[in-house]
Amino acid sequence: MPTDTTDTSTVAHATFVVDRTFDAPLDRVWDAFADPEQHARWFGSDPGFTETEASEDFRVGGQAVQDGQWHDGPTSRYVATYTDIVERARIVSTYDMWVGGRHLSTSLTTTEFTAVEGGTRLTYTEQGVFLDGQEDGSQREAGFQGIFDVLAEYLAR
């Protein structure tokens, strides 16, 4: 993160794509997103994070919330709204992040699911606006690479 976090007038726009193929059938990968119990097992499951609030309402217009604190670090709040769901094909959502009580970003995401030989191709596209010099988007891309590593481990079980 840039060291100057006092400038409340800046925005950085970033778009990134994470393209992964999982060794699991499309139904299994879809359910890992669509079933709230499964989703909670891999998304935000970092042992260095203590959750204080979590909810998942997987439907168009529904929200997902995750709130907590990084061990020896700041608080974090994630609030997403599902805007489009096409069963076993696509999820579109918007989400906001706050870190240490400061609004960090607003993003539009599209997650696409495609059956391929031997598994499922997942294409995750995020278009974000990162506020006040706190982030430029590169950290978010690296974060989602890690999240999908955790998903791959979950699917392998």
Foldseek 3Di string as FASTA:
>chain_A
DDPDQPFQPDKAKDKDKDKDWALAALVLLLCCVQPVVNVVCQPPPDPQWDWDDWDDDPDQQTKTWTWTAGHVFWIKIKIKGWHDDDPSFKTWIWMWMDTNNHTFKIKIKMWGWDGDVRGIMIMIMIIMMTGRPPDNCPVVVVVVVVSVVSVNVSRVD
